[in-house]
Structure formats: structure tokens, C-alpha cells
Amino acid sequence: HEFESEFNTLEVQSIDHQKATGEFG
């Protein structure tokens, strides 16, 4: 839920990839 709510977005450029990597881990 945390990953989906923050990173499931159409605006890929707006994603904080470092944070997304941590959450995906």
C-alpha cells in the first residue's frame, strides 16, 4: 500500500527513485 500510494503514478519523472528503490526493497 505504501509503495502503491506513493509511486503508482503516471508522472514517472516526478518519482523520487532513491526513495522508491528503498520502498520497493
mmCIF file of all heavy atoms, coordinates in Angstrom:
data_MODEL
# 
_entry.id   MODEL 
# 
loop_
_atom_site.group_PDB 
_atom_site.id 
_atom_site.type_symbol 
_atom_site.label_atom_id 
_atom_site.label_alt_id 
_atom_site.label_comp_id 
_atom_site.label_asym_id 
_atom_site.label_entity_id 
_atom_site.label_seq_id 
_atom_site.pdbx_PDB_ins_code 
_atom_site.Cartn_x 
_atom_site.Cartn_y 
_atom_site.Cartn_z 
_atom_site.occupancy 
_atom_site.B_iso_or_equiv 
_atom_site.pdbx_formal_charge 
_atom_site.auth_seq_id 
_atom_site.auth_comp_id 
_atom_site.auth_asym_id 
_atom_site.auth_atom_id 
_atom_site.pdbx_PDB_model_num 
ATOM 1   N N   . HIS A 1 1  ? 0.828  -1.200 0.000   1.00 0.00 ? 1  HIS A N   1 
ATOM 2   C CA  . HIS A 1 1  ? 0.000  0.000  0.000   1.00 0.00 ? 1  HIS A CA  1 
ATOM 3   C C   . HIS A 1 1  ? 0.867  1.256  0.000   1.00 0.00 ? 1  HIS A C   1 
ATOM 4   O O   . HIS A 1 1  ? 0.591  2.216  -0.731  1.00 0.00 ? 1  HIS A O   1 
ATOM 5   C CB  . HIS A 1 1  ? -0.934 0.005  1.217   1.00 0.00 ? 1  HIS A CB  1 
ATOM 6   C CG  . HIS A 1 1  ? -1.780 1.233  1.319   1.00 0.00 ? 1  HIS A CG  1 
ATOM 7   N ND1 . HIS A 1 1  ? -2.827 1.485  0.452   1.00 0.00 ? 1  HIS A ND1 1 
ATOM 8   C CD2 . HIS A 1 1  ? -1.716 2.301  2.164   1.00 0.00 ? 1  HIS A CD2 1 
ATOM 9   C CE1 . HIS A 1 1  ? -3.378 2.647  0.766   1.00 0.00 ? 1  HIS A CE1 1 
ATOM 10  N NE2 . HIS A 1 1  ? -2.721 3.163  1.795   1.00 0.00 ? 1  HIS A NE2 1 
ATOM 11  N N   . GLU A 1 2  ? 1.930  1.248  0.808   1.00 0.00 ? 2  GLU A N   1 
ATOM 12  C CA  . GLU A 1 2  ? 2.832  2.399  0.854   1.00 0.00 ? 2  GLU A CA  1 
ATOM 13  C C   . GLU A 1 2  ? 3.474  2.637  -0.507  1.00 0.00 ? 2  GLU A C   1 
ATOM 14  O O   . GLU A 1 2  ? 3.561  3.772  -0.974  1.00 0.00 ? 2  GLU A O   1 
ATOM 15  C CB  . GLU A 1 2  ? 3.929  2.167  1.910   1.00 0.00 ? 2  GLU A CB  1 
ATOM 16  C CG  . GLU A 1 2  ? 3.441  2.279  3.338   1.00 0.00 ? 2  GLU A CG  1 
ATOM 17  C CD  . GLU A 1 2  ? 4.559  2.029  4.336   1.00 0.00 ? 2  GLU A CD  1 
ATOM 18  O OE1 . GLU A 1 2  ? 5.743  1.926  3.895   1.00 0.00 ? 2  GLU A OE1 1 
ATOM 19  O OE2 . GLU A 1 2  ? 4.272  1.938  5.543   1.00 0.00 ? 2  GLU A OE2 1 
ATOM 20  N N   . PHE A 1 3  ? 3.908  1.562  -1.134  1.00 0.00 ? 3  PHE A N   1 
ATOM 21  C CA  . PHE A 1 3  ? 4.561  1.693  -2.438  1.00 0.00 ? 3  PHE A CA  1 
ATOM 22  C C   . PHE A 1 3  ? 3.565  2.163  -3.496  1.00 0.00 ? 3  PHE A C   1 
ATOM 23  O O   . PHE A 1 3  ? 3.858  3.063  -4.293  1.00 0.00 ? 3  PHE A O   1 
ATOM 24  C CB  . PHE A 1 3  ? 5.173  0.357  -2.854  1.00 0.00 ? 3  PHE A CB  1 
ATOM 25  C CG  . PHE A 1 3  ? 6.023  0.454  -4.093  1.00 0.00 ? 3  PHE A CG  1 
ATOM 26  C CD1 . PHE A 1 3  ? 7.331  0.893  -4.024  1.00 0.00 ? 3  PHE A CD1 1 
ATOM 27  C CD2 . PHE A 1 3  ? 5.506  0.114  -5.333  1.00 0.00 ? 3  PHE A CD2 1 
ATOM 28  C CE1 . PHE A 1 3  ? 8.118  0.996  -5.161  1.00 0.00 ? 3  PHE A CE1 1 
ATOM 29  C CE2 . PHE A 1 3  ? 6.269  0.209  -6.485  1.00 0.00 ? 3  PHE A CE2 1 
ATOM 30  C CZ  . PHE A 1 3  ? 7.581  0.650  -6.396  1.00 0.00 ? 3  PHE A CZ  1 
ATOM 31  N N   . GLU A 1 4  ? 2.369  1.570  -3.488  1.00 0.00 ? 4  GLU A N   1 
ATOM 32  C CA  . GLU A 1 4  ? 1.360  1.907  -4.494  1.00 0.00 ? 4  GLU A CA  1 
ATOM 33  C C   . GLU A 1 4  ? 0.891  3.348  -4.351  1.00 0.00 ? 4  GLU A C   1 
ATOM 34  O O   . GLU A 1 4  ? 0.783  4.081  -5.350  1.00 0.00 ? 4  GLU A O   1 
ATOM 35  C CB  . GLU A 1 4  ? 0.177  0.958  -4.368  1.00 0.00 ? 4  GLU A CB  1 
ATOM 36  C CG  . GLU A 1 4  ? -0.911 1.210  -5.410  1.00 0.00 ? 4  GLU A CG  1 
ATOM 37  C CD  . GLU A 1 4  ? -2.080 0.255  -5.248  1.00 0.00 ? 4  GLU A CD  1 
ATOM 38  O OE1 . GLU A 1 4  ? -2.314 -0.223 -4.130  1.00 0.00 ? 4  GLU A OE1 1 
ATOM 39  O OE2 . GLU A 1 4  ? -2.764 0.000  -6.255  1.00 0.00 ? 4  GLU A OE2 1 
ATOM 40  N N   . SER A 1 5  ? 0.619  3.777  -3.137  1.00 0.00 ? 5  SER A N   1 
ATOM 41  C CA  . SER A 1 5  ? 0.056  5.112  -2.932  1.00 0.00 ? 5  SER A CA  1 
ATOM 42  C C   . SER A 1 5  ? 1.047  6.209  -3.310  1.00 0.00 ? 5  SER A C   1 
ATOM 43  O O   . SER A 1 5  ? 0.643  7.286  -3.744  1.00 0.00 ? 5  SER A O   1 
ATOM 44  C CB  . SER A 1 5  ? -0.370 5.282  -1.472  1.00 0.00 ? 5  SER A CB  1 
ATOM 45  O OG  . SER A 1 5  ? 0.739  5.151  -0.610  1.00 0.00 ? 5  SER A OG  1 
ATOM 46  N N   . GLU A 1 6  ? 2.333  5.921  -3.178  1.00 0.00 ? 6  GLU A N   1 
ATOM 47  C CA  . GLU A 1 6  ? 3.316  6.971  -3.429  1.00 0.00 ? 6  GLU A CA  1 
ATOM 48  C C   . GLU A 1 6  ? 3.920  6.921  -4.825  1.00 0.00 ? 6  GLU A C   1 
ATOM 49  O O   . GLU A 1 6  ? 4.275  7.956  -5.390  1.00 0.00 ? 6  GLU A O   1 
ATOM 50  C CB  . GLU A 1 6  ? 4.448  6.887  -2.393  1.00 0.00 ? 6  GLU A CB  1 
ATOM 51  C CG  . GLU A 1 6  ? 5.384  8.079  -2.444  1.00 0.00 ? 6  GLU A CG  1 
ATOM 52  C CD  . GLU A 1 6  ? 6.161  8.260  -1.159  1.00 0.00 ? 6  GLU A CD  1 
ATOM 53  O OE1 . GLU A 1 6  ? 5.961  7.463  -0.221  1.00 0.00 ? 6  GLU A OE1 1 
ATOM 54  O OE2 . GLU A 1 6  ? 6.968  9.185  -1.101  1.00 0.00 ? 6  GLU A OE2 1 
ATOM 55  N N   . PHE A 1 7  ? 4.023  5.726  -5.405  1.00 0.00 ? 7  PHE A N   1 
ATOM 56  C CA  . PHE A 1 7  ? 4.783  5.603  -6.650  1.00 0.00 ? 7  PHE A CA  1 
ATOM 57  C C   . PHE A 1 7  ? 3.972  5.086  -7.838  1.00 0.00 ? 7  PHE A C   1 
ATOM 58  O O   . PHE A 1 7  ? 4.485  5.035  -8.948  1.00 0.00 ? 7  PHE A O   1 
ATOM 59  C CB  . PHE A 1 7  ? 5.996  4.682  -6.427  1.00 0.00 ? 7  PHE A CB  1 
ATOM 60  C CG  . PHE A 1 7  ? 6.895  5.160  -5.320  1.00 0.00 ? 7  PHE A CG  1 
ATOM 61  C CD1 . PHE A 1 7  ? 6.994  4.441  -4.145  1.00 0.00 ? 7  PHE A CD1 1 
ATOM 62  C CD2 . PHE A 1 7  ? 7.612  6.341  -5.454  1.00 0.00 ? 7  PHE A CD2 1 
ATOM 63  C CE1 . PHE A 1 7  ? 7.799  4.889  -3.117  1.00 0.00 ? 7  PHE A CE1 1 
ATOM 64  C CE2 . PHE A 1 7  ? 8.428  6.790  -4.432  1.00 0.00 ? 7  PHE A CE2 1 
ATOM 65  C CZ  . PHE A 1 7  ? 8.531  6.061  -3.262  1.00 0.00 ? 7  PHE A CZ  1 
ATOM 66  N N   . ASN A 1 8  ? 2.711  4.711  -7.631  1.00 0.00 ? 8  ASN A N   1 
ATOM 67  C CA  . ASN A 1 8  ? 1.879  4.293  -8.758  1.00 0.00 ? 8  ASN A CA  1 
ATOM 68  C C   . ASN A 1 8  ? 1.279  5.538  -9.402  1.00 0.00 ? 8  ASN A C   1 
ATOM 69  O O   . ASN A 1 8  ? 0.112  5.884  -9.197  1.00 0.00 ? 8  ASN A O   1 
ATOM 70  C CB  . ASN A 1 8  ? 0.785  3.325  -8.297  1.00 0.00 ? 8  ASN A CB  1 
ATOM 71  C CG  . ASN A 1 8  ? 0.002  2.763  -9.468  1.00 0.00 ? 8  ASN A CG  1 
ATOM 72  O OD1 . ASN A 1 8  ? 0.461  2.802  -10.602 1.00 0.00 ? 8  ASN A OD1 1 
ATOM 73  N ND2 . ASN A 1 8  ? -1.186 2.247  -9.184  1.00 0.00 ? 8  ASN A ND2 1 
ATOM 74  N N   . THR A 1 9  ? 2.093  6.191  -10.190 1.00 0.00 ? 9  THR A N   1 
ATOM 75  C CA  . THR A 1 9  ? 1.682  7.461  -10.792 1.00 0.00 ? 9  THR A CA  1 
ATOM 76  C C   . THR A 1 9  ? 2.076  7.491  -12.258 1.00 0.00 ? 9  THR A C   1 
ATOM 77  O O   . THR A 1 9  ? 3.051  6.854  -12.659 1.00 0.00 ? 9  THR A O   1 
ATOM 78  C CB  . THR A 1 9  ? 2.340  8.647  -10.058 1.00 0.00 ? 9  THR A CB  1 
ATOM 79  O OG1 . THR A 1 9  ? 2.071  9.852  -10.768 1.00 0.00 ? 9  THR A OG1 1 
ATOM 80  C CG2 . THR A 1 9  ? 3.846  8.475  -9.950  1.00 0.00 ? 9  THR A CG2 1 
ATOM 81  N N   . LEU A 1 10 ? 1.308  8.232  -13.039 1.00 0.00 ? 10 LEU A N   1 
ATOM 82  C CA  . LEU A 1 10 ? 1.624  8.369  -14.460 1.00 0.00 ? 10 LEU A CA  1 
ATOM 83  C C   . LEU A 1 10 ? 2.824  9.291  -14.677 1.00 0.00 ? 10 LEU A C   1 
ATOM 84  O O   . LEU A 1 10 ? 3.480  9.236  -15.710 1.00 0.00 ? 10 LEU A O   1 
ATOM 85  C CB  . LEU A 1 10 ? 0.406  8.919  -15.217 1.00 0.00 ? 10 LEU A CB  1 
ATOM 86  C CG  . LEU A 1 10 ? -0.822 7.996  -15.238 1.00 0.00 ? 10 LEU A CG  1 
ATOM 87  C CD1 . LEU A 1 10 ? -1.992 8.704  -15.928 1.00 0.00 ? 10 LEU A CD1 1 
ATOM 88  C CD2 . LEU A 1 10 ? -0.509 6.687  -15.950 1.00 0.00 ? 10 LEU A CD2 1 
ATOM 89  N N   . GLU A 1 11 ? 3.086  10.146 -13.705 1.00 0.00 ? 11 GLU A N   1 
ATOM 90  C CA  . GLU A 1 11 ? 4.189  11.101 -13.826 1.00 0.00 ? 11 GLU A CA  1 
ATOM 91  C C   . GLU A 1 11 ? 5.485  10.442 -13.350 1.00 0.00 ? 11 GLU A C   1 
ATOM 92  O O   . GLU A 1 11 ? 5.926  10.638 -12.220 1.00 0.00 ? 11 GLU A O   1 
ATOM 93  C CB  . GLU A 1 11 ? 3.892  12.360 -13.002 1.00 0.00 ? 11 GLU A CB  1 
ATOM 94  C CG  . GLU A 1 11 ? 2.630  13.086 -13.423 1.00 0.00 ? 11 GLU A CG  1 
ATOM 95  C CD  . GLU A 1 11 ? 2.717  13.610 -14.848 1.00 0.00 ? 11 GLU A CD  1 
ATOM 96  O OE1 . GLU A 1 11 ? 3.832  13.978 -15.279 1.00 0.00 ? 11 GLU A OE1 1 
ATOM 97  O OE2 . GLU A 1 11 ? 1.682  13.644 -15.532 1.00 0.00 ? 11 GLU A OE2 1 
ATOM 98  N N   . VAL A 1 12 ? 6.085  9.644  -14.240 1.00 0.00 ? 12 VAL A N   1 
ATOM 99  C CA  . VAL A 1 12 ? 7.286  8.910  -13.869 1.00 0.00 ? 12 VAL A CA  1 
ATOM 100 C C   . VAL A 1 12 ? 8.408  9.851  -13.469 1.00 0.00 ? 12 VAL A C   1 
ATOM 101 O O   . VAL A 1 12 ? 9.184  9.581  -12.552 1.00 0.00 ? 12 VAL A O   1 
ATOM 102 C CB  . VAL A 1 12 ? 7.748  7.997  -15.025 1.00 0.00 ? 12 VAL A CB  1 
ATOM 103 C CG1 . VAL A 1 12 ? 9.026  7.258  -14.663 1.00 0.00 ? 12 VAL A CG1 1 
ATOM 104 C CG2 . VAL A 1 12 ? 6.647  7.004  -15.378 1.00 0.00 ? 12 VAL A CG2 1 
ATOM 105 N N   . GLN A 1 13 ? 8.492  10.994 -14.134 1.00 0.00 ? 13 GLN A N   1 
ATOM 106 C CA  . GLN A 1 13 ? 9.574  11.936 -13.853 1.00 0.00 ? 13 GLN A CA  1 
ATOM 107 C C   . GLN A 1 13 ? 9.505  12.488 -12.429 1.00 0.00 ? 13 GLN A C   1 
ATOM 108 O O   . GLN A 1 13 ? 10.519 12.929 -11.884 1.00 0.00 ? 13 GLN A O   1 
ATOM 109 C CB  . GLN A 1 13 ? 9.550  13.100 -14.852 1.00 0.00 ? 13 GLN A CB  1 
ATOM 110 C CG  . GLN A 1 13 ? 9.887  12.717 -16.286 1.00 0.00 ? 13 GLN A CG  1 
ATOM 111 C CD  . GLN A 1 13 ? 8.694  12.107 -17.021 1.00 0.00 ? 13 GLN A CD  1 
ATOM 112 O OE1 . GLN A 1 13 ? 7.591  12.034 -16.472 1.00 0.00 ? 13 GLN A OE1 1 
ATOM 113 N NE2 . GLN A 1 13 ? 8.923  11.668 -18.250 1.00 0.00 ? 13 GLN A NE2 1 
ATOM 114 N N   . SER A 1 14 ? 8.315  12.485 -11.838 1.00 0.00 ? 14 SER A N   1 
ATOM 115 C CA  . SER A 1 14 ? 8.158  13.059 -10.505 1.00 0.00 ? 14 SER A CA  1 
ATOM 116 C C   . SER A 1 14 ? 8.514  12.084 -9.387  1.00 0.00 ? 14 SER A C   1 
ATOM 117 O O   . SER A 1 14 ? 8.535  12.452 -8.224  1.00 0.00 ? 14 SER A O   1 
ATOM 118 C CB  . SER A 1 14 ? 6.710  13.537 -10.312 1.00 0.00 ? 14 SER A CB  1 
ATOM 119 O OG  . SER A 1 14 ? 5.829  12.415 -10.307 1.00 0.00 ? 14 SER A OG  1 
ATOM 120 N N   . ILE A 1 15 ? 8.807  10.825 -9.739  1.00 0.00 ? 15 ILE A N   1 
ATOM 121 C CA  . ILE A 1 15 ? 9.108  9.812  -8.734  1.00 0.00 ? 15 ILE A CA  1 
ATOM 122 C C   . ILE A 1 15 ? 10.515 10.028 -8.183  1.00 0.00 ? 15 ILE A C   1 
ATOM 123 O O   . ILE A 1 15 ? 11.468 10.236 -8.934  1.00 0.00 ? 15 ILE A O   1 
ATOM 124 C CB  . ILE A 1 15 ? 8.988  8.396  -9.337  1.00 0.00 ? 15 ILE A CB  1 
ATOM 125 C CG1 . ILE A 1 15 ? 7.521  8.071  -9.632  1.00 0.00 ? 15 ILE A CG1 1 
ATOM 126 C CG2 . ILE A 1 15 ? 9.572  7.344  -8.392  1.00 0.00 ? 15 ILE A CG2 1 
ATOM 127 C CD1 . ILE A 1 15 ? 7.309  6.723  -10.287 1.00 0.00 ? 15 ILE A CD1 1 
ATOM 128 N N   . ASP A 1 16 ? 10.627 9.991  -6.878  1.00 0.00 ? 16 ASP A N   1 
ATOM 129 C CA  . ASP A 1 16 ? 11.923 10.005 -6.206  1.00 0.00 ? 16 ASP A CA  1 
ATOM 130 C C   . ASP A 1 16 ? 12.474 8.582  -6.270  1.00 0.00 ? 16 ASP A C   1 
ATOM 131 O O   . ASP A 1 16 ? 12.090 7.715  -5.489  1.00 0.00 ? 16 ASP A O   1 
ATOM 132 C CB  . ASP A 1 16 ? 11.761 10.459 -4.748  1.00 0.00 ? 16 ASP A CB  1 
ATOM 133 C CG  . ASP A 1 16 ? 13.085 10.550 -4.008  1.00 0.00 ? 16 ASP A CG  1 
ATOM 134 O OD1 . ASP A 1 16 ? 14.039 9.855  -4.415  1.00 0.00 ? 16 ASP A OD1 1 
ATOM 135 O OD2 . ASP A 1 16 ? 13.148 11.295 -3.011  1.00 0.00 ? 16 ASP A OD2 1 
ATOM 136 N N   . HIS A 1 17 ? 13.366 8.331  -7.236  1.00 0.00 ? 17 HIS A N   1 
ATOM 137 C CA  . HIS A 1 17 ? 13.796 6.960  -7.496  1.00 0.00 ? 17 HIS A CA  1 
ATOM 138 C C   . HIS A 1 17 ? 14.596 6.360  -6.341  1.00 0.00 ? 17 HIS A C   1 
ATOM 139 O O   . HIS A 1 17 ? 14.536 5.147  -6.109  1.00 0.00 ? 17 HIS A O   1 
ATOM 140 C CB  . HIS A 1 17 ? 14.601 6.899  -8.798  1.00 0.00 ? 17 HIS A CB  1 
ATOM 141 C CG  . HIS A 1 17 ? 13.743 6.964  -10.019 1.00 0.00 ? 17 HIS A CG  1 
ATOM 142 N ND1 . HIS A 1 17 ? 13.132 5.857  -10.558 1.00 0.00 ? 17 HIS A ND1 1 
ATOM 143 C CD2 . HIS A 1 17 ? 13.362 8.018  -10.791 1.00 0.00 ? 17 HIS A CD2 1 
ATOM 144 C CE1 . HIS A 1 17 ? 12.423 6.206  -11.618 1.00 0.00 ? 17 HIS A CE1 1 
ATOM 145 N NE2 . HIS A 1 17 ? 12.541 7.515  -11.775 1.00 0.00 ? 17 HIS A NE2 1 
ATOM 146 N N   . GLN A 1 18 ? 15.315 7.180  -5.614  1.00 0.00 ? 18 GLN A N   1 
ATOM 147 C CA  . GLN A 1 18 ? 16.056 6.667  -4.467  1.00 0.00 ? 18 GLN A CA  1 
ATOM 148 C C   . GLN A 1 18 ? 15.093 6.188  -3.378  1.00 0.00 ? 18 GLN A C   1 
ATOM 149 O O   . GLN A 1 18 ? 15.258 5.101  -2.810  1.00 0.00 ? 18 GLN A O   1 
ATOM 150 C CB  . GLN A 1 18 ? 16.981 7.752  -3.909  1.00 0.00 ? 18 GLN A CB  1 
ATOM 151 C CG  . GLN A 1 18 ? 17.875 7.239  -2.780  1.00 0.00 ? 18 GLN A CG  1 
ATOM 152 C CD  . GLN A 1 18 ? 18.917 8.262  -2.375  1.00 0.00 ? 18 GLN A CD  1 
ATOM 153 O OE1 . GLN A 1 18 ? 19.058 9.300  -2.998  1.00 0.00 ? 18 GLN A OE1 1 
ATOM 154 N NE2 . GLN A 1 18 ? 19.650 7.965  -1.314  1.00 0.00 ? 18 GLN A NE2 1 
ATOM 155 N N   . LYS A 1 19 ? 14.069 6.974  -3.120  1.00 0.00 ? 19 LYS A N   1 
ATOM 156 C CA  . LYS A 1 19 ? 13.076 6.581  -2.127  1.00 0.00 ? 19 LYS A CA  1 
ATOM 157 C C   . LYS A 1 19 ? 12.266 5.381  -2.615  1.00 0.00 ? 19 LYS A C   1 
ATOM 158 O O   . LYS A 1 19 ? 11.961 4.459  -1.853  1.00 0.00 ? 19 LYS A O   1 
ATOM 159 C CB  . LYS A 1 19 ? 12.150 7.755  -1.826  1.00 0.00 ? 19 LYS A CB  1 
ATOM 160 C CG  . LYS A 1 19 ? 11.185 7.469  -0.677  1.00 0.00 ? 19 LYS A CG  1 
ATOM 161 C CD  . LYS A 1 19 ? 10.348 8.690  -0.341  1.00 0.00 ? 19 LYS A CD  1 
ATOM 162 C CE  . LYS A 1 19 ? 9.395  8.393  0.812   1.00 0.00 ? 19 LYS A CE  1 
ATOM 163 N NZ  . LYS A 1 19 ? 8.519  9.536  1.113   1.00 0.00 ? 19 LYS A NZ  1 
ATOM 164 N N   . ALA A 1 20 ? 11.921 5.402  -3.920  1.00 0.00 ? 20 ALA A N   1 
ATOM 165 C CA  . ALA A 1 20 ? 11.152 4.296  -4.491  1.00 0.00 ? 20 ALA A CA  1 
ATOM 166 C C   . ALA A 1 20 ? 11.929 2.985  -4.398  1.00 0.00 ? 20 ALA A C   1 
ATOM 167 O O   . ALA A 1 20 ? 11.369 1.922  -4.108  1.00 0.00 ? 20 ALA A O   1 
ATOM 168 C CB  . ALA A 1 20 ? 10.794 4.600  -5.945  1.00 0.00 ? 20 ALA A CB  1 
ATOM 169 N N   . THR A 1 21 ? 13.239 3.063  -4.641  1.00 0.00 ? 21 THR A N   1 
ATOM 170 C CA  . THR A 1 21 ? 14.085 1.867  -4.544  1.00 0.00 ? 21 THR A CA  1 
ATOM 171 C C   . THR A 1 21 ? 14.055 1.300  -3.127  1.00 0.00 ? 21 THR A C   1 
ATOM 172 O O   . THR A 1 21 ? 13.932 0.085  -2.926  1.00 0.00 ? 21 THR A O   1 
ATOM 173 C CB  . THR A 1 21 ? 15.535 2.199  -4.939  1.00 0.00 ? 21 THR A CB  1 
ATOM 174 O OG1 . THR A 1 21 ? 15.565 2.641  -6.302  1.00 0.00 ? 21 THR A OG1 1 
ATOM 175 C CG2 . THR A 1 21 ? 16.440 0.976  -4.804  1.00 0.00 ? 21 THR A CG2 1 
ATOM 176 N N   . GLY A 1 22 ? 14.144 2.201  -2.138  1.00 0.00 ? 22 GLY A N   1 
ATOM 177 C CA  . GLY A 1 22 ? 14.091 1.764  -0.744  1.00 0.00 ? 22 GLY A CA  1 
ATOM 178 C C   . GLY A 1 22 ? 12.765 1.117  -0.395  1.00 0.00 ? 22 GLY A C   1 
ATOM 179 O O   . GLY A 1 22 ? 12.724 0.070  0.272   1.00 0.00 ? 22 GLY A O   1 
ATOM 180 N N   . GLU A 1 23 ? 11.665 1.726  -0.843  1.00 0.00 ? 23 GLU A N   1 
ATOM 181 C CA  . GLU A 1 23 ? 10.339 1.184  -0.533  1.00 0.00 ? 23 GLU A CA  1 
ATOM 182 C C   . GLU A 1 23 ? 10.101 -0.137 -1.251  1.00 0.00 ? 23 GLU A C   1 
ATOM 183 O O   . GLU A 1 23 ? 9.473  -1.055 -0.704  1.00 0.00 ? 23 GLU A O   1 
ATOM 184 C CB  . GLU A 1 23 ? 9.257  2.203  -0.915  1.00 0.00 ? 23 GLU A CB  1 
ATOM 185 C CG  . GLU A 1 23 ? 9.249  3.471  -0.081  1.00 0.00 ? 23 GLU A CG  1 
ATOM 186 C CD  . GLU A 1 23 ? 8.852  3.211  1.367   1.00 0.00 ? 23 GLU A CD  1 
ATOM 187 O OE1 . GLU A 1 23 ? 8.278  2.134  1.657   1.00 0.00 ? 23 GLU A OE1 1 
ATOM 188 O OE2 . GLU A 1 23 ? 9.118  4.076  2.214   1.00 0.00 ? 23 GLU A OE2 1 
ATOM 189 N N   . PHE A 1 24 ? 10.590 -0.228 -2.490  1.00 0.00 ? 24 PHE A N   1 
ATOM 190 C CA  . PHE A 1 24 ? 10.438 -1.480 -3.231  1.00 0.00 ? 24 PHE A CA  1 
ATOM 191 C C   . PHE A 1 24 ? 11.242 -2.589 -2.555  1.00 0.00 ? 24 PHE A C   1 
ATOM 192 O O   . PHE A 1 24 ? 10.799 -3.736 -2.476  1.00 0.00 ? 24 PHE A O   1 
ATOM 193 C CB  . PHE A 1 24 ? 10.896 -1.303 -4.675  1.00 0.00 ? 24 PHE A CB  1 
ATOM 194 C CG  . PHE A 1 24 ? 10.606 -2.489 -5.552  1.00 0.00 ? 24 PHE A CG  1 
ATOM 195 C CD1 . PHE A 1 24 ? 9.306  -2.810 -5.895  1.00 0.00 ? 24 PHE A CD1 1 
ATOM 196 C CD2 . PHE A 1 24 ? 11.637 -3.302 -6.029  1.00 0.00 ? 24 PHE A CD2 1 
ATOM 197 C CE1 . PHE A 1 24 ? 9.025  -3.906 -6.700  1.00 0.00 ? 24 PHE A CE1 1 
ATOM 198 C CE2 . PHE A 1 24 ? 11.370 -4.393 -6.828  1.00 0.00 ? 24 PHE A CE2 1 
ATOM 199 C CZ  . PHE A 1 24 ? 10.063 -4.699 -7.171  1.00 0.00 ? 24 PHE A CZ  1 
ATOM 200 N N   . GLY A 1 25 ? 12.432 -2.238 -2.049  1.00 0.00 ? 25 GLY A N   1 
ATOM 201 C CA  . GLY A 1 25 ? 13.223 -3.213 -1.298  1.00 0.00 ? 25 GLY A CA  1 
ATOM 202 C C   . GLY A 1 25 ? 12.485 -3.696 -0.064  1.00 0.00 ? 25 GLY A C   1 
ATOM 203 O O   . GLY A 1 25 ? 12.502 -4.898 0.257   1.00 0.00 ? 25 GLY A O   1 
# 
